[in-house]
Amino acid sequence: RICDGENAERILQLMKGRLGGDTTNGANVVAYNAAISAWARSASRAEGNISKSRSAAEKAEQLLREMWSLQRERNNDRITNQILPDVVSYSSVISAYASCLDRSFGLKRAEELLSE
């Protein structure tokens, strides 16, 4: 398990770049969830740095949003490979916000995600 969001996202980017940027054979939902989970753990382990904690939670959400945008692109191009966010994706992002050191911001974002 990687607790460092930056390294996990770097690995995800390498996977996405495989085969000339074609994510259909590189990154998948499991790879995205691993990176999201690593950012979530980084949010809770920011060692008192509120800004770093908030940024890590936002990075987790950015990856979640990226999964949705990839799916929309694929649907437009009629590619059926599924990189849809699942319950693990959402629960990891909600966990990132719930454990964010900026409590009011984190709880607000977690509630917003729950209502989607």
Foldseek 3Di string as FASTA:
>chain_A
DALALVVLVVQLVVQCPPPNNPNLRGDALVSLLVSLLSLLSCLLVVPPDLVRNVVSLVVLVVSLVVQVVVVVVCVVVVNDGHRHHDPSSLVSSLSSLCSHPVNVRSVVVSVVSVVD
